[in-house]
Amino acid sequence: MRRKKAKLASLLAYIDHSAMDEVPFYWNILSVSGKGNPRQAFEQQLRQLKQRQRGNCLYHEILSLKKTLPVKQLKNILYYLLIRYLQERAPQLVGYARLHEEPHHLHLHLVLSANPIGKARPLRLSKERFREIKRELEQELQLLFPELEKTEPDNTFEIER
């Protein structure tokens, strides 16, 4: 989901509500705010962002795994996936994630700044680059965690944008 208008407080409250992890996951937040405060870090990024009509200011993405293994094991795999995804997708963006549990799957809500740290223009990745990142991570997960059940013929995990 792309956010055209920054409704940051409501998005962070939604993600924090019913999160099963005690500690949120921060990506580049300390380097921006210096305090580990996601709201401050995102607000600082938004102030730097050059405003464009119909331009994105935040991204809300979801990474999920089907519950086919013990929850603790899936949780570790999901955090591994998150770190690898961020390394490929958003090395210079500010990110914040929380873990949620549903009856049939675990998922991470991820909020990303649209612009890299210190930049006024948003980072744009093509649909092909997203597909490429997903394919690479899919192959990596299958090699490292063969016990993961595929949800579809070629998918072990899902990414919603």
C-alpha atoms as a PDB file:
ATOM      1  CA  MET A   1       0.000   0.000   0.000  1.00  0.00           C
ATOM      2  CA  ARG A   2       1.294   3.395  -0.892  1.00  0.00           C
ATOM      3  CA  ARG A   3       0.477   6.445   1.177  1.00  0.00           C
ATOM      4  CA  LYS A   4      -0.126   9.657  -0.737  1.00  0.00           C
ATOM      5  CA  LYS A   5      -0.766  11.637   2.423  1.00  0.00           C
ATOM      6  CA  ALA A   6       1.195  11.152   5.565  1.00  0.00           C
ATOM      7  CA  LYS A   7      -1.200   9.757   8.176  1.00  0.00           C
ATOM      8  CA  LEU A   8       1.743   8.494  10.093  1.00  0.00           C
ATOM      9  CA  ALA A   9       0.259   8.386  13.584  1.00  0.00           C
ATOM     10  CA  SER A  10      -2.714   6.268  12.510  1.00  0.00           C
ATOM     11  CA  LEU A  11      -0.523   3.912  10.467  1.00  0.00           C
ATOM     12  CA  LEU A  12       1.927   3.350  13.326  1.00  0.00           C
ATOM     13  CA  ALA A  13      -0.952   2.872  15.798  1.00  0.00           C
ATOM     14  CA  TYR A  14      -2.533   0.311  13.458  1.00  0.00           C
ATOM     15  CA  ILE A  15       0.738  -1.601  13.157  1.00  0.00           C
ATOM     16  CA  ASP A  16       1.423  -1.476  16.901  1.00  0.00           C
ATOM     17  CA  HIS A  17      -2.096  -2.667  17.758  1.00  0.00           C
ATOM     18  CA  SER A  18      -2.142  -6.402  18.568  1.00  0.00           C
ATOM     19  CA  ALA A  19       1.513  -6.904  17.621  1.00  0.00           C
ATOM     20  CA  MET A  20       2.855 -10.133  19.102  1.00  0.00           C
ATOM     21  CA  ASP A  21       6.474  -9.014  19.366  1.00  0.00           C
ATOM     22  CA  GLU A  22       7.527  -7.129  22.457  1.00  0.00           C
ATOM     23  CA  VAL A  23      10.171  -5.083  20.679  1.00  0.00           C
ATOM     24  CA  PRO A  24       9.591  -3.421  17.292  1.00  0.00           C
ATOM     25  CA  PHE A  25      12.073  -3.837  14.450  1.00  0.00           C
ATOM     26  CA  TYR A  26      13.881  -0.626  13.475  1.00  0.00           C
ATOM     27  CA  TRP A  27      15.707  -0.059  10.177  1.00  0.00           C
ATOM     28  CA  ASN A  28      17.915   3.069   9.920  1.00  0.00           C
ATOM     29  CA  ILE A  29      15.801   4.835  12.539  1.00  0.00           C
ATOM     30  CA  LEU A  30      18.638   5.506  14.962  1.00  0.00           C
ATOM     31  CA  SER A  31      20.721   7.066  12.198  1.00  0.00           C
ATOM     32  CA  VAL A  32      17.918   9.553  11.486  1.00  0.00           C
ATOM     33  CA  SER A  33      16.346  10.371  14.845  1.00  0.00           C
ATOM     34  CA  GLY A  34      19.142   9.275  17.166  1.00  0.00           C
ATOM     35  CA  LYS A  35      16.509   8.223  19.704  1.00  0.00           C
ATOM     36  CA  GLY A  36      14.898   5.097  18.291  1.00  0.00           C
ATOM     37  CA  ASN A  37      11.626   6.959  17.842  1.00  0.00           C
ATOM     38  CA  PRO A  38       9.983   5.833  14.586  1.00  0.00           C
ATOM     39  CA  ARG A  39       7.525   8.717  14.430  1.00  0.00           C
ATOM     40  CA  GLN A  40      10.310  11.301  14.720  1.00  0.00           C
ATOM     41  CA  ALA A  41      12.423   9.484  12.141  1.00  0.00           C
ATOM     42  CA  PHE A  42       9.582   9.291   9.610  1.00  0.00           C
ATOM     43  CA  GLU A  43       8.575  12.906  10.225  1.00  0.00           C
ATOM     44  CA  GLN A  44      12.148  13.989   9.561  1.00  0.00           C
ATOM     45  CA  GLN A  45      12.153  11.989   6.317  1.00  0.00           C
ATOM     46  CA  LEU A  46       8.816  13.544   5.317  1.00  0.00           C
ATOM     47  CA  ARG A  47      10.179  17.053   5.905  1.00  0.00           C
ATOM     48  CA  GLN A  48      13.063  16.315   3.533  1.00  0.00           C
ATOM     49  CA  LEU A  49      10.836  14.795   0.865  1.00  0.00           C
ATOM     50  CA  LYS A  50      10.078  16.998  -2.112  1.00  0.00           C
ATOM     51  CA  GLN A  51       6.281  17.076  -2.293  1.00  0.00           C
ATOM     52  CA  ARG A  52       4.772  15.972  -5.583  1.00  0.00           C
ATOM     53  CA  GLN A  53       1.162  15.776  -6.579  1.00  0.00           C
ATOM     54  CA  ARG A  54       0.102  12.115  -6.233  1.00  0.00           C
ATOM     55  CA  GLY A  55       3.605  11.223  -5.031  1.00  0.00           C
ATOM     56  CA  ASN A  56       4.181   8.541  -2.408  1.00  0.00           C
ATOM     57  CA  CYS A  57       5.485   9.573   0.976  1.00  0.00           C
ATOM     58  CA  LEU A  58       5.349   6.193   2.792  1.00  0.00           C
ATOM     59  CA  TYR A  59       5.051   2.550   1.876  1.00  0.00           C
ATOM     60  CA  HIS A  60       3.174  -0.034   3.945  1.00  0.00           C
ATOM     61  CA  GLU A  61       4.198  -3.563   2.987  1.00  0.00           C
ATOM     62  CA  ILE A  62       3.420  -6.963   4.492  1.00  0.00           C
ATOM     63  CA  LEU A  63       5.653 -10.033   4.488  1.00  0.00           C
ATOM     64  CA  SER A  64       3.940 -13.264   5.483  1.00  0.00           C
ATOM     65  CA  LEU A  65       4.612 -16.965   5.974  1.00  0.00           C
ATOM     66  CA  LYS A  66       2.028 -19.722   6.222  1.00  0.00           C
ATOM     67  CA  LYS A  67       1.963 -21.503   9.610  1.00  0.00           C
ATOM     68  CA  THR A  68       3.520 -24.815   8.593  1.00  0.00           C
ATOM     69  CA  LEU A  69       6.220 -24.926  11.290  1.00  0.00           C
ATOM     70  CA  PRO A  70       6.342 -24.039  14.995  1.00  0.00           C
ATOM     71  CA  VAL A  71       5.670 -20.333  15.556  1.00  0.00           C
ATOM     72  CA  LYS A  72       9.084 -19.667  17.119  1.00  0.00           C
ATOM     73  CA  GLN A  73      10.845 -21.144  14.092  1.00  0.00           C
ATOM     74  CA  LEU A  74       8.623 -19.224  11.652  1.00  0.00           C
ATOM     75  CA  LYS A  75       9.236 -16.026  13.589  1.00  0.00           C
ATOM     76  CA  ASN A  76      13.008 -16.436  13.210  1.00  0.00           C
ATOM     77  CA  ILE A  77      12.664 -17.191   9.495  1.00  0.00           C
ATOM     78  CA  LEU A  78      10.378 -14.192   9.008  1.00  0.00           C
ATOM     79  CA  TYR A  79      12.851 -11.835  10.687  1.00  0.00           C
ATOM     80  CA  TYR A  80      15.639 -13.273   8.532  1.00  0.00           C
ATOM     81  CA  LEU A  81      13.455 -12.656   5.478  1.00  0.00           C
ATOM     82  CA  LEU A  82      12.739  -9.100   6.639  1.00  0.00           C
ATOM     83  CA  ILE A  83      16.429  -8.246   6.993  1.00  0.00           C
ATOM     84  CA  ARG A  84      17.286  -9.726   3.601  1.00  0.00           C
ATOM     85  CA  TYR A  85      14.312  -7.956   2.008  1.00  0.00           C
ATOM     86  CA  LEU A  86      15.380  -4.608   3.486  1.00  0.00           C
ATOM     87  CA  GLN A  87      18.982  -5.116   2.377  1.00  0.00           C
ATOM     88  CA  GLU A  88      17.764  -5.559  -1.194  1.00  0.00           C
ATOM     89  CA  ARG A  89      14.719  -3.291  -1.275  1.00  0.00           C
ATOM     90  CA  ALA A  90      15.523  -0.451   1.092  1.00  0.00           C
ATOM     91  CA  PRO A  91      19.129  -0.188   2.286  1.00  0.00           C
ATOM     92  CA  GLN A  92      18.906   3.623   2.680  1.00  0.00           C
ATOM     93  CA  LEU A  93      15.238   3.978   3.627  1.00  0.00           C
ATOM     94  CA  VAL A  94      13.839   4.332   7.131  1.00  0.00           C
ATOM     95  CA  GLY A  95      11.812   1.302   8.183  1.00  0.00           C
ATOM     96  CA  TYR A  96       9.684   0.075  11.071  1.00  0.00           C
ATOM     97  CA  ALA A  97       8.121  -3.385  11.412  1.00  0.00           C
ATOM     98  CA  ARG A  98       5.911  -5.303  13.829  1.00  0.00           C
ATOM     99  CA  LEU A  99       5.038  -8.985  13.922  1.00  0.00           C
ATOM    100  CA  HIS A 100       1.395 -10.135  13.891  1.00  0.00           C
ATOM    101  CA  GLU A 101      -0.129 -13.585  14.180  1.00  0.00           C
ATOM    102  CA  GLU A 102      -3.253 -14.803  12.412  1.00  0.00           C
ATOM    103  CA  PRO A 103      -4.770 -18.290  12.622  1.00  0.00           C
ATOM    104  CA  HIS A 104      -3.080 -19.527   9.434  1.00  0.00           C
ATOM    105  CA  HIS A 105      -0.035 -17.292   9.030  1.00  0.00           C
ATOM    106  CA  LEU A 106       2.493 -14.958  10.632  1.00  0.00           C
ATOM    107  CA  HIS A 107       3.116 -11.607   9.021  1.00  0.00           C
ATOM    108  CA  LEU A 108       5.193  -8.487   9.464  1.00  0.00           C
ATOM    109  CA  HIS A 109       3.754  -5.048   8.816  1.00  0.00           C
ATOM    110  CA  LEU A 110       6.528  -2.883   7.404  1.00  0.00           C
ATOM    111  CA  VAL A 111       6.463   0.891   7.003  1.00  0.00           C
ATOM    112  CA  LEU A 112       9.126   2.418   4.764  1.00  0.00           C
ATOM    113  CA  SER A 113       9.966   6.021   4.008  1.00  0.00           C
ATOM    114  CA  ALA A 114       9.671   6.827   0.314  1.00  0.00           C
ATOM    115  CA  ASN A 115      12.934   8.761   0.244  1.00  0.00           C
ATOM    116  CA  PRO A 116      16.434   7.577   1.159  1.00  0.00           C
ATOM    117  CA  ILE A 117      18.107   9.189   4.169  1.00  0.00           C
ATOM    118  CA  GLY A 118      19.266  12.709   3.322  1.00  0.00           C
ATOM    119  CA  LYS A 119      17.519  12.762  -0.085  1.00  0.00           C
ATOM    120  CA  ALA A 120      14.563  14.845  -1.238  1.00  0.00           C
ATOM    121  CA  ARG A 121      13.448  12.534  -4.027  1.00  0.00           C
ATOM    122  CA  PRO A 122      11.653   9.219  -3.459  1.00  0.00           C
ATOM    123  CA  LEU A 123      13.300   5.941  -4.360  1.00  0.00           C
ATOM    124  CA  ARG A 124      11.488   4.236  -7.195  1.00  0.00           C
ATOM    125  CA  LEU A 125      11.873   0.547  -7.912  1.00  0.00           C
ATOM    126  CA  SER A 126      10.298  -0.961 -10.999  1.00  0.00           C
ATOM    127  CA  LYS A 127       7.831  -3.841 -10.830  1.00  0.00           C
ATOM    128  CA  GLU A 128      10.484  -5.981 -12.482  1.00  0.00           C
ATOM    129  CA  ARG A 129      12.981  -5.164  -9.701  1.00  0.00           C
ATOM    130  CA  PHE A 130      10.392  -6.147  -7.064  1.00  0.00           C
ATOM    131  CA  ARG A 131       9.789  -9.448  -8.882  1.00  0.00           C
ATOM    132  CA  GLU A 132      13.549  -9.995  -9.091  1.00  0.00           C
ATOM    133  CA  ILE A 133      14.007  -9.374  -5.342  1.00  0.00           C
ATOM    134  CA  LYS A 134      11.155 -11.773  -4.558  1.00  0.00           C
ATOM    135  CA  ARG A 135      12.614 -14.469  -6.847  1.00  0.00           C
ATOM    136  CA  GLU A 136      16.068 -14.119  -5.285  1.00  0.00           C
ATOM    137  CA  LEU A 137      14.701 -14.303  -1.742  1.00  0.00           C
ATOM    138  CA  GLU A 138      12.459 -17.221  -2.665  1.00  0.00           C
ATOM    139  CA  GLN A 139      15.474 -19.191  -3.896  1.00  0.00           C
ATOM    140  CA  GLU A 140      17.476 -18.249  -0.812  1.00  0.00           C
ATOM    141  CA  LEU A 141      14.685 -19.348   1.542  1.00  0.00           C
ATOM    142  CA  GLN A 142      14.280 -22.665  -0.271  1.00  0.00           C
ATOM    143  CA  LEU A 143      18.007 -23.350   0.083  1.00  0.00           C
ATOM    144  CA  LEU A 144      18.289 -22.293   3.727  1.00  0.00           C
ATOM    145  CA  PHE A 145      14.905 -23.501   4.972  1.00  0.00           C
ATOM    146  CA  PRO A 146      13.772 -26.477   2.860  1.00  0.00           C
ATOM    147  CA  GLU A 147      11.240 -27.370   5.573  1.00  0.00           C
ATOM    148  CA  LEU A 148       9.108 -24.342   4.621  1.00  0.00           C
ATOM    149  CA  GLU A 149       5.977 -25.362   2.787  1.00  0.00           C
ATOM    150  CA  LYS A 150       5.253 -23.542  -0.442  1.00  0.00           C
ATOM    151  CA  THR A 151       1.949 -21.683  -0.515  1.00  0.00           C
ATOM    152  CA  GLU A 152       1.845 -21.888  -4.311  1.00  0.00           C
ATOM    153  CA  PRO A 153       4.035 -23.809  -6.777  1.00  0.00           C
ATOM    154  CA  ASP A 154       6.753 -21.131  -6.727  1.00  0.00           C
ATOM    155  CA  ASN A 155       6.041 -19.222  -3.501  1.00  0.00           C
ATOM    156  CA  THR A 156       7.174 -19.840   0.049  1.00  0.00           C
ATOM    157  CA  PHE A 157       6.243 -16.359   1.257  1.00  0.00           C
ATOM    158  CA  GLU A 158       4.071 -13.442   0.223  1.00  0.00           C
ATOM    159  CA  ILE A 159       4.817  -9.732  -0.118  1.00  0.00           C
ATOM    160  CA  GLU A 160       1.932  -7.294  -0.307  1.00  0.00           C
ATOM    161  CA  ARG A 161       2.646  -3.774  -1.442  1.00  0.00           C
END
